[in-house]
Amino acid sequence: MDIKPILTDLKAELNRINQAIAALGSLDGTVTATTPAAIAAPKRGGRRRMSAAGRKRISEATKARWAQSVWRPQNQQQQNPPRKLPLVAAP
């Protein structure tokens, strides 16, 4: 049995499927890996960096949140009342 014609047919079908995927991808505005726009798209390199002002803003906001919830003086913290246990009849 000669498998070359089968292999040729499968490769042709794969090519048609890839073209169909690329066509459908271009209809909804997304860029697929097979479109030229995806190949030519510049890659973003390096790490994202935060400015000093951005770090300061986040730091101040975090400190304010902690100050409101954790660092209250003892007399201002909510005191939980003692829990009342339910009465259960003895067996």
PDB file of N, CA and C in Angstrom:
ATOM      1  N   MET A   1       0.848  -1.176   0.000  1.00  0.00           N
ATOM      2  CA  MET A   1       0.000   0.000   0.000  1.00  0.00           C
ATOM      3  C   MET A   1       0.889   1.233   0.000  1.00  0.00           C
ATOM      4  N   ASP A   2       0.619   2.137  -0.913  1.00  0.00           N
ATOM      5  CA  ASP A   2       1.408   3.353  -1.044  1.00  0.00           C
ATOM      6  C   ASP A   2       0.749   4.462  -0.220  1.00  0.00           C
ATOM      7  N   ILE A   3       1.492   5.043   0.725  1.00  0.00           N
ATOM      8  CA  ILE A   3       0.917   6.056   1.608  1.00  0.00           C
ATOM      9  C   ILE A   3       1.220   7.476   1.142  1.00  0.00           C
ATOM     10  N   LYS A   4       2.009   7.617   0.089  1.00  0.00           N
ATOM     11  CA  LYS A   4       2.339   8.964  -0.386  1.00  0.00           C
ATOM     12  C   LYS A   4       1.112   9.750  -0.832  1.00  0.00           C
ATOM     13  N   PRO A   5       0.184   9.156  -1.582  1.00  0.00           N
ATOM     14  CA  PRO A   5      -1.008   9.936  -1.960  1.00  0.00           C
ATOM     15  C   PRO A   5      -1.850  10.332  -0.742  1.00  0.00           C
ATOM     16  N   ILE A   6      -1.917   9.445   0.235  1.00  0.00           N
ATOM     17  CA  ILE A   6      -2.681   9.757   1.451  1.00  0.00           C
ATOM     18  C   ILE A   6      -2.031  10.930   2.172  1.00  0.00           C
ATOM     19  N   LEU A   7      -0.706  10.888   2.282  1.00  0.00           N
ATOM     20  CA  LEU A   7       0.026  11.957   2.952  1.00  0.00           C
ATOM     21  C   LEU A   7      -0.139  13.286   2.208  1.00  0.00           C
ATOM     22  N   THR A   8      -0.108  13.256   0.915  1.00  0.00           N
ATOM     23  CA  THR A   8      -0.284  14.459   0.099  1.00  0.00           C
ATOM     24  C   THR A   8      -1.686  15.045   0.317  1.00  0.00           C
ATOM     25  N   ASP A   9      -2.702  14.167   0.320  1.00  0.00           N
ATOM     26  CA  ASP A   9      -4.075  14.630   0.553  1.00  0.00           C
ATOM     27  C   ASP A   9      -4.224  15.249   1.941  1.00  0.00           C
ATOM     28  N   LEU A  10      -3.617  14.631   2.959  1.00  0.00           N
ATOM     29  CA  LEU A  10      -3.711  15.157   4.319  1.00  0.00           C
ATOM     30  C   LEU A  10      -3.029  16.514   4.439  1.00  0.00           C
ATOM     31  N   LYS A  11      -1.891  16.669   3.784  1.00  0.00           N
ATOM     32  CA  LYS A  11      -1.197  17.961   3.817  1.00  0.00           C
ATOM     33  C   LYS A  11      -2.017  19.044   3.123  1.00  0.00           C
ATOM     34  N   ALA A  12      -2.658  18.690   2.013  1.00  0.00           N
ATOM     35  CA  ALA A  12      -3.498  19.655   1.307  1.00  0.00           C
ATOM     36  C   ALA A  12      -4.693  20.047   2.177  1.00  0.00           C
ATOM     37  N   GLU A  13      -5.285  19.063   2.861  1.00  0.00           N
ATOM     38  CA  GLU A  13      -6.414  19.363   3.738  1.00  0.00           C
ATOM     39  C   GLU A  13      -5.980  20.228   4.921  1.00  0.00           C
ATOM     40  N   LEU A  14      -4.800  19.971   5.468  1.00  0.00           N
ATOM     41  CA  LEU A  14      -4.266  20.781   6.560  1.00  0.00           C
ATOM     42  C   LEU A  14      -4.065  22.227   6.100  1.00  0.00           C
ATOM     43  N   ASN A  15      -3.571  22.396   4.884  1.00  0.00           N
ATOM     44  CA  ASN A  15      -3.381  23.733   4.334  1.00  0.00           C
ATOM     45  C   ASN A  15      -4.721  24.456   4.203  1.00  0.00           C
ATOM     46  N   ARG A  16      -5.749  23.751   3.728  1.00  0.00           N
ATOM     47  CA  ARG A  16      -7.078  24.360   3.605  1.00  0.00           C
ATOM     48  C   ARG A  16      -7.646  24.735   4.981  1.00  0.00           C
ATOM     49  N   ILE A  17      -7.436  23.881   5.965  1.00  0.00           N
ATOM     50  CA  ILE A  17      -7.936  24.156   7.317  1.00  0.00           C
ATOM     51  C   ILE A  17      -7.224  25.380   7.894  1.00  0.00           C
ATOM     52  N   ASN A  18      -5.914  25.478   7.714  1.00  0.00           N
ATOM     53  CA  ASN A  18      -5.168  26.639   8.213  1.00  0.00           C
ATOM     54  C   ASN A  18      -5.644  27.930   7.553  1.00  0.00           C
ATOM     55  N   GLN A  19      -5.931  27.868   6.254  1.00  0.00           N
ATOM     56  CA  GLN A  19      -6.439  29.048   5.568  1.00  0.00           C
ATOM     57  C   GLN A  19      -7.823  29.426   6.078  1.00  0.00           C
ATOM     58  N   ALA A  20      -8.660  28.438   6.360  1.00  0.00           N
ATOM     59  CA  ALA A  20      -9.996  28.709   6.882  1.00  0.00           C
ATOM     60  C   ALA A  20      -9.912  29.335   8.275  1.00  0.00           C
ATOM     61  N   ILE A  21      -9.005  28.834   9.112  1.00  0.00           N
ATOM     62  CA  ILE A  21      -8.828  29.388  10.451  1.00  0.00           C
ATOM     63  C   ILE A  21      -8.357  30.837  10.358  1.00  0.00           C
ATOM     64  N   ALA A  22      -7.421  31.103   9.472  1.00  0.00           N
ATOM     65  CA  ALA A  22      -6.926  32.471   9.311  1.00  0.00           C
ATOM     66  C   ALA A  22      -8.031  33.399   8.819  1.00  0.00           C
ATOM     67  N   ALA A  23      -8.868  32.920   7.901  1.00  0.00           N
ATOM     68  CA  ALA A  23      -9.961  33.740   7.381  1.00  0.00           C
ATOM     69  C   ALA A  23     -10.987  34.030   8.474  1.00  0.00           C
ATOM     70  N   LEU A  24     -11.331  33.029   9.273  1.00  0.00           N
ATOM     71  CA  LEU A  24     -12.294  33.244  10.353  1.00  0.00           C
ATOM     72  C   LEU A  24     -11.718  34.154  11.434  1.00  0.00           C
ATOM     73  N   GLY A  25     -10.438  34.016  11.692  1.00  0.00           N
ATOM     74  CA  GLY A  25      -9.807  34.876  12.688  1.00  0.00           C
ATOM     75  C   GLY A  25      -9.790  36.329  12.259  1.00  0.00           C
ATOM     76  N   SER A  26      -9.645  36.570  10.978  1.00  0.00           N
ATOM     77  CA  SER A  26      -9.616  37.958  10.502  1.00  0.00           C
ATOM     78  C   SER A  26     -11.009  38.576  10.501  1.00  0.00           C
ATOM     79  N   LEU A  27     -12.062  37.772  10.500  1.00  0.00           N
ATOM     80  CA  LEU A  27     -13.417  38.310  10.504  1.00  0.00           C
ATOM     81  C   LEU A  27     -13.778  38.952  11.838  1.00  0.00           C
ATOM     82  N   ASP A  28     -13.298  38.367  12.942  1.00  0.00           N
ATOM     83  CA  ASP A  28     -13.666  38.927  14.242  1.00  0.00           C
ATOM     84  C   ASP A  28     -12.638  39.922  14.756  1.00  0.00           C
ATOM     85  N   GLY A  29     -11.654  40.260  13.959  1.00  0.00           N
ATOM     86  CA  GLY A  29     -10.700  41.297  14.334  1.00  0.00           C
ATOM     87  C   GLY A  29      -9.514  40.819  15.138  1.00  0.00           C
ATOM     88  N   THR A  30      -9.465  39.539  15.456  1.00  0.00           N
ATOM     89  CA  THR A  30      -8.319  39.041  16.204  1.00  0.00           C
ATOM     90  C   THR A  30      -7.194  38.703  15.249  1.00  0.00           C
ATOM     91  N   VAL A  31      -6.010  38.741  15.764  1.00  0.00           N
ATOM     92  CA  VAL A  31      -4.845  38.433  14.955  1.00  0.00           C
ATOM     93  C   VAL A  31      -4.378  37.037  15.321  1.00  0.00           C
ATOM     94  N   THR A  32      -4.288  36.174  14.326  1.00  0.00           N
ATOM     95  CA  THR A  32      -3.821  34.813  14.577  1.00  0.00           C
ATOM     96  C   THR A  32      -2.345  34.718  14.256  1.00  0.00           C
ATOM     97  N   ALA A  33      -1.741  33.624  14.648  1.00  0.00           N
ATOM     98  CA  ALA A  33      -0.305  33.444  14.450  1.00  0.00           C
ATOM     99  C   ALA A  33       0.056  33.301  12.977  1.00  0.00           C
ATOM    100  N   THR A  34      -0.914  33.001  12.129  1.00  0.00           N
ATOM    101  CA  THR A  34      -0.609  32.800  10.717  1.00  0.00           C
ATOM    102  C   THR A  34      -0.778  34.059   9.886  1.00  0.00           C
ATOM    103  N   THR A  35      -1.343  35.113  10.467  1.00  0.00           N
ATOM    104  CA  THR A  35      -1.522  36.339   9.705  1.00  0.00           C
ATOM    105  C   THR A  35      -0.232  37.151   9.724  1.00  0.00           C
ATOM    106  N   PRO A  36       0.025  37.919   8.694  1.00  0.00           N
ATOM    107  CA  PRO A  36       1.251  38.715   8.651  1.00  0.00           C
ATOM    108  C   PRO A  36       1.337  39.738   9.777  1.00  0.00           C
ATOM    109  N   ALA A  37       0.202  40.231  10.250  1.00  0.00           N
ATOM    110  CA  ALA A  37       0.231  41.214  11.329  1.00  0.00           C
ATOM    111  C   ALA A  37       0.779  40.608  12.612  1.00  0.00           C
ATOM    112  N   ALA A  38       0.482  39.332  12.854  1.00  0.00           N
ATOM    113  CA  ALA A  38       0.986  38.674  14.060  1.00  0.00           C
ATOM    114  C   ALA A  38       2.481  38.418  13.950  1.00  0.00           C
ATOM    115  N   ILE A  39       2.934  38.132  12.773  1.00  0.00           N
ATOM    116  CA  ILE A  39       4.358  37.855  12.582  1.00  0.00           C
ATOM    117  C   ILE A  39       5.157  39.148  12.716  1.00  0.00           C
ATOM    118  N   ALA A  40       4.613  40.252  12.213  1.00  0.00           N
ATOM    119  CA  ALA A  40       5.338  41.512  12.219  1.00  0.00           C
ATOM    120  C   ALA A  40       5.133  42.302  13.508  1.00  0.00           C
ATOM    121  N   ALA A  41       4.256  41.834  14.396  1.00  0.00           N
ATOM    122  CA  ALA A  41       3.972  42.576  15.623  1.00  0.00           C
ATOM    123  C   ALA A  41       5.226  42.624  16.503  1.00  0.00           C
ATOM    124  N   PRO A  42       5.561  43.800  16.998  1.00  0.00           N
ATOM    125  CA  PRO A  42       6.740  43.892  17.858  1.00  0.00           C
ATOM    126  C   PRO A  42       6.479  43.220  19.192  1.00  0.00           C
ATOM    127  N   LYS A  43       7.488  42.578  19.692  1.00  0.00           N
ATOM    128  CA  LYS A  43       7.391  41.908  20.974  1.00  0.00           C
ATOM    129  C   LYS A  43       7.770  42.891  22.072  1.00  0.00           C
ATOM    130  N   ARG A  44       7.004  42.891  23.129  1.00  0.00           N
ATOM    131  CA  ARG A  44       7.306  43.764  24.260  1.00  0.00           C
ATOM    132  C   ARG A  44       8.405  43.100  25.068  1.00  0.00           C
ATOM    133  N   GLY A  45       9.462  43.808  25.289  1.00  0.00           N
ATOM    134  CA  GLY A  45      10.578  43.208  25.999  1.00  0.00           C
ATOM    135  C   GLY A  45      10.778  43.813  27.362  1.00  0.00           C
ATOM    136  N   GLY A  46      11.427  43.095  28.219  1.00  0.00           N
ATOM    137  CA  GLY A  46      11.774  43.607  29.532  1.00  0.00           C
ATOM    138  C   GLY A  46      10.633  43.557  30.521  1.00  0.00           C
ATOM    139  N   ARG A  47      10.928  44.001  31.708  1.00  0.00           N
ATOM    140  CA  ARG A  47       9.933  44.011  32.765  1.00  0.00           C
ATOM    141  C   ARG A  47       9.206  45.339  32.792  1.00  0.00           C
ATOM    142  N   ARG A  48       8.008  45.315  33.308  1.00  0.00           N
ATOM    143  CA  ARG A  48       7.285  46.564  33.497  1.00  0.00           C
ATOM    144  C   ARG A  48       7.870  47.262  34.706  1.00  0.00           C
ATOM    145  N   ARG A  49       8.021  48.530  34.606  1.00  0.00           N
ATOM    146  CA  ARG A  49       8.592  49.288  35.703  1.00  0.00           C
ATOM    147  C   ARG A  49       7.576  50.289  36.215  1.00  0.00           C
ATOM    148  N   MET A  50       7.618  50.492  37.510  1.00  0.00           N
ATOM    149  CA  MET A  50       6.702  51.434  38.129  1.00  0.00           C
ATOM    150  C   MET A  50       7.477  52.688  38.491  1.00  0.00           C
ATOM    151  N   SER A  51       6.867  53.813  38.278  1.00  0.00           N
ATOM    152  CA  SER A  51       7.530  55.071  38.610  1.00  0.00           C
ATOM    153  C   SER A  51       7.576  55.242  40.128  1.00  0.00           C
ATOM    154  N   ALA A  52       8.445  56.120  40.565  1.00  0.00           N
ATOM    155  CA  ALA A  52       8.560  56.389  42.002  1.00  0.00           C
ATOM    156  C   ALA A  52       7.261  56.966  42.540  1.00  0.00           C
ATOM    157  N   ALA A  53       6.611  57.813  41.744  1.00  0.00           N
ATOM    158  CA  ALA A  53       5.335  58.405  42.174  1.00  0.00           C
ATOM    159  C   ALA A  53       4.266  57.319  42.320  1.00  0.00           C
ATOM    160  N   GLY A  54       4.252  56.365  41.403  1.00  0.00           N
ATOM    161  CA  GLY A  54       3.291  55.267  41.484  1.00  0.00           C
ATOM    162  C   GLY A  54       3.519  54.404  42.709  1.00  0.00           C
ATOM    163  N   ARG A  55       4.790  54.109  42.996  1.00  0.00           N
ATOM    164  CA  ARG A  55       5.112  53.335  44.201  1.00  0.00           C
ATOM    165  C   ARG A  55       4.672  54.069  45.457  1.00  0.00           C
ATOM    166  N   LYS A  56       4.909  55.379  45.485  1.00  0.00           N
ATOM    167  CA  LYS A  56       4.543  56.176  46.655  1.00  0.00           C
ATOM    168  C   LYS A  56       3.028  56.189  46.846  1.00  0.00           C
ATOM    169  N   ARG A  57       2.273  56.346  45.752  1.00  0.00           N
ATOM    170  CA  ARG A  57       0.816  56.348  45.829  1.00  0.00           C
ATOM    171  C   ARG A  57       0.291  55.029  46.393  1.00  0.00           C
ATOM    172  N   ILE A  58       0.836  53.928  45.894  1.00  0.00           N
ATOM    173  CA  ILE A  58       0.397  52.615  46.369  1.00  0.00           C
ATOM    174  C   ILE A  58       0.786  52.418  47.825  1.00  0.00           C
ATOM    175  N   SER A  59       1.976  52.858  48.198  1.00  0.00           N
ATOM    176  CA  SER A  59       2.434  52.731  49.574  1.00  0.00           C
ATOM    177  C   SER A  59       1.536  53.501  50.528  1.00  0.00           C
ATOM    178  N   GLU A  60       1.199  54.728  50.168  1.00  0.00           N
ATOM    179  CA  GLU A  60       0.343  55.537  51.033  1.00  0.00           C
ATOM    180  C   GLU A  60      -1.059  54.946  51.153  1.00  0.00           C
ATOM    181  N   ALA A  61      -1.578  54.434  50.061  1.00  0.00           N
ATOM    182  CA  ALA A  61      -2.911  53.830  50.105  1.00  0.00           C
ATOM    183  C   ALA A  61      -2.897  52.578  50.985  1.00  0.00           C
ATOM    184  N   THR A  62      -1.852  51.774  50.875  1.00  0.00           N
ATOM    185  CA  THR A  62      -1.743  50.561  51.687  1.00  0.00           C
ATOM    186  C   THR A  62      -1.617  50.914  53.162  1.00  0.00           C
ATOM    187  N   LYS A  63      -0.805  51.906  53.465  1.00  0.00           N
ATOM    188  CA  LYS A  63      -0.640  52.321  54.859  1.00  0.00           C
ATOM    189  C   LYS A  63      -1.954  52.840  55.425  1.00  0.00           C
ATOM    190  N   ALA A  64      -2.725  53.567  54.622  1.00  0.00           N
ATOM    191  CA  ALA A  64      -4.008  54.085  55.087  1.00  0.00           C
ATOM    192  C   ALA A  64      -4.981  52.944  55.368  1.00  0.00           C
ATOM    193  N   ARG A  65      -4.990  51.933  54.500  1.00  0.00           N
ATOM    194  CA  ARG A  65      -5.865  50.780  54.732  1.00  0.00           C
ATOM    195  C   ARG A  65      -5.496  50.063  56.023  1.00  0.00           C
ATOM    196  N   TRP A  66      -4.198  49.840  56.226  1.00  0.00           N
ATOM    197  CA  TRP A  66      -3.739  49.171  57.445  1.00  0.00           C
ATOM    198  C   TRP A  66      -4.060  50.014  58.670  1.00  0.00           C
ATOM    199  N   ALA A  67      -3.907  51.305  58.566  1.00  0.00           N
ATOM    200  CA  ALA A  67      -4.177  52.174  59.710  1.00  0.00           C
ATOM    201  C   ALA A  67      -5.640  52.095  60.112  1.00  0.00           C
ATOM    202  N   GLN A  68      -6.521  51.950  59.156  1.00  0.00           N
ATOM    203  CA  GLN A  68      -7.940  51.881  59.469  1.00  0.00           C
ATOM    204  C   GLN A  68      -8.334  50.555  60.076  1.00  0.00           C
ATOM    205  N   SER A  69      -7.671  49.481  59.685  1.00  0.00           N
ATOM    206  CA  SER A  69      -8.146  48.175  60.124  1.00  0.00           C
ATOM    207  C   SER A  69      -7.287  47.538  61.212  1.00  0.00           C
ATOM    208  N   VAL A  70      -5.984  47.685  61.172  1.00  0.00           N
ATOM    209  CA  VAL A  70      -5.125  46.908  62.051  1.00  0.00           C
ATOM    210  C   VAL A  70      -4.564  47.727  63.199  1.00  0.00           C
ATOM    211  N   TRP A  71      -4.104  48.902  62.947  1.00  0.00           N
ATOM    212  CA  TRP A  71      -3.334  49.648  63.939  1.00  0.00           C
ATOM    213  C   TRP A  71      -4.196  50.598  64.768  1.00  0.00           C
ATOM    214  N   ARG A  72      -5.339  50.149  65.206  1.00  0.00           N
ATOM    215  CA  ARG A  72      -6.183  50.956  66.077  1.00  0.00           C
ATOM    216  C   ARG A  72      -5.655  50.842  67.508  1.00  0.00           C
ATOM    217  N   PRO A  73      -5.776  51.895  68.274  1.00  0.00           N
ATOM    218  CA  PRO A  73      -5.416  51.775  69.689  1.00  0.00           C
ATOM    219  C   PRO A  73      -6.339  50.769  70.380  1.00  0.00           C
ATOM    220  N   GLN A  74      -5.873  50.211  71.468  1.00  0.00           N
ATOM    221  CA  GLN A  74      -6.614  49.150  72.139  1.00  0.00           C
ATOM    222  C   GLN A  74      -8.013  49.592  72.555  1.00  0.00           C
ATOM    223  N   ASN A  75      -8.170  50.846  73.004  1.00  0.00           N
ATOM    224  CA  ASN A  75      -9.480  51.270  73.475  1.00  0.00           C
ATOM    225  C   ASN A  75     -10.472  51.484  72.328  1.00  0.00           C
ATOM    226  N   GLN A  76      -9.999  51.576  71.084  1.00  0.00           N
ATOM    227  CA  GLN A  76     -10.895  51.785  69.957  1.00  0.00           C
ATOM    228  C   GLN A  76     -11.249  50.490  69.247  1.00  0.00           C
ATOM    229  N   GLN A  77     -10.534  49.415  69.550  1.00  0.00           N
ATOM    230  CA  GLN A  77     -10.833  48.168  68.873  1.00  0.00           C
ATOM    231  C   GLN A  77     -12.164  47.624  69.371  1.00  0.00           C
ATOM    232  N   GLN A  78     -12.863  46.974  68.488  1.00  0.00           N
ATOM    233  CA  GLN A  78     -14.147  46.416  68.866  1.00  0.00           C
ATOM    234  C   GLN A  78     -13.920  45.228  69.780  1.00  0.00           C
ATOM    235  N   GLN A  79     -14.620  45.220  70.870  1.00  0.00           N
ATOM    236  CA  GLN A  79     -14.532  44.106  71.796  1.00  0.00           C
ATOM    237  C   GLN A  79     -15.660  43.136  71.457  1.00  0.00           C
ATOM    238  N   ASN A  80     -15.298  41.913  71.219  1.00  0.00           N
ATOM    239  CA  ASN A  80     -16.305  40.915  70.923  1.00  0.00           C
ATOM    240  C   ASN A  80     -16.951  40.484  72.234  1.00  0.00           C
ATOM    241  N   PRO A  81     -18.278  40.499  72.300  1.00  0.00           N
ATOM    242  CA  PRO A  81     -18.927  40.039  73.519  1.00  0.00           C
ATOM    243  C   PRO A  81     -18.694  38.535  73.687  1.00  0.00           C
ATOM    244  N   PRO A  82     -18.716  38.051  74.925  1.00  0.00           N
ATOM    245  CA  PRO A  82     -18.511  36.615  75.121  1.00  0.00           C
ATOM    246  C   PRO A  82     -19.626  35.835  74.435  1.00  0.00           C
ATOM    247  N   ARG A  83     -19.246  34.714  73.869  1.00  0.00           N
ATOM    248  CA  ARG A  83     -20.222  33.910  73.139  1.00  0.00           C
ATOM    249  C   ARG A  83     -21.119  33.177  74.110  1.00  0.00           C
ATOM    250  N   LYS A  84     -22.369  33.129  73.770  1.00  0.00           N
ATOM    251  CA  LYS A  84     -23.324  32.380  74.577  1.00  0.00           C
ATOM    252  C   LYS A  84     -23.477  31.004  73.956  1.00  0.00           C
ATOM    253  N   LEU A  85     -23.284  29.995  74.772  1.00  0.00           N
ATOM    254  CA  LEU A  85     -23.435  28.623  74.285  1.00  0.00           C
ATOM    255  C   LEU A  85     -24.895  28.233  74.355  1.00  0.00           C
ATOM    256  N   PRO A  86     -25.369  27.518  73.357  1.00  0.00           N
ATOM    257  CA  PRO A  86     -26.758  27.103  73.373  1.00  0.00           C
ATOM    258  C   PRO A  86     -26.984  26.086  74.498  1.00  0.00           C
ATOM    259  N   LEU A  87     -28.166  26.147  75.081  1.00  0.00           N
ATOM    260  CA  LEU A  87     -28.526  25.181  76.117  1.00  0.00           C
ATOM    261  C   LEU A  87     -28.942  23.885  75.458  1.00  0.00           C
ATOM    262  N   VAL A  88     -28.307  22.816  75.891  1.00  0.00           N
ATOM    263  CA  VAL A  88     -28.627  21.508  75.337  1.00  0.00           C
ATOM    264  C   VAL A  88     -29.092  20.631  76.485  1.00  0.00           C
ATOM    265  N   ALA A  89     -30.183  19.947  76.293  1.00  0.00           N
ATOM    266  CA  ALA A  89     -30.714  19.070  77.334  1.00  0.00           C
ATOM    267  C   ALA A  89     -29.804  17.849  77.469  1.00  0.00           C
ATOM    268  N   ALA A  90     -29.557  17.441  78.677  1.00  0.00           N
ATOM    269  CA  ALA A  90     -28.722  16.268  78.922  1.00  0.00           C
ATOM    270  C   ALA A  90     -29.495  15.009  78.549  1.00  0.00           C
ATOM    271  N   PRO A  91     -28.815  14.036  77.982  1.00  0.00           N
ATOM    272  CA  PRO A  91     -29.539  12.810  77.579  1.00  0.00           C
ATOM    273  C   PRO A  91     -29.937  11.947  78.730  1.00  0.00           C
TER     274      PRO A  91
END
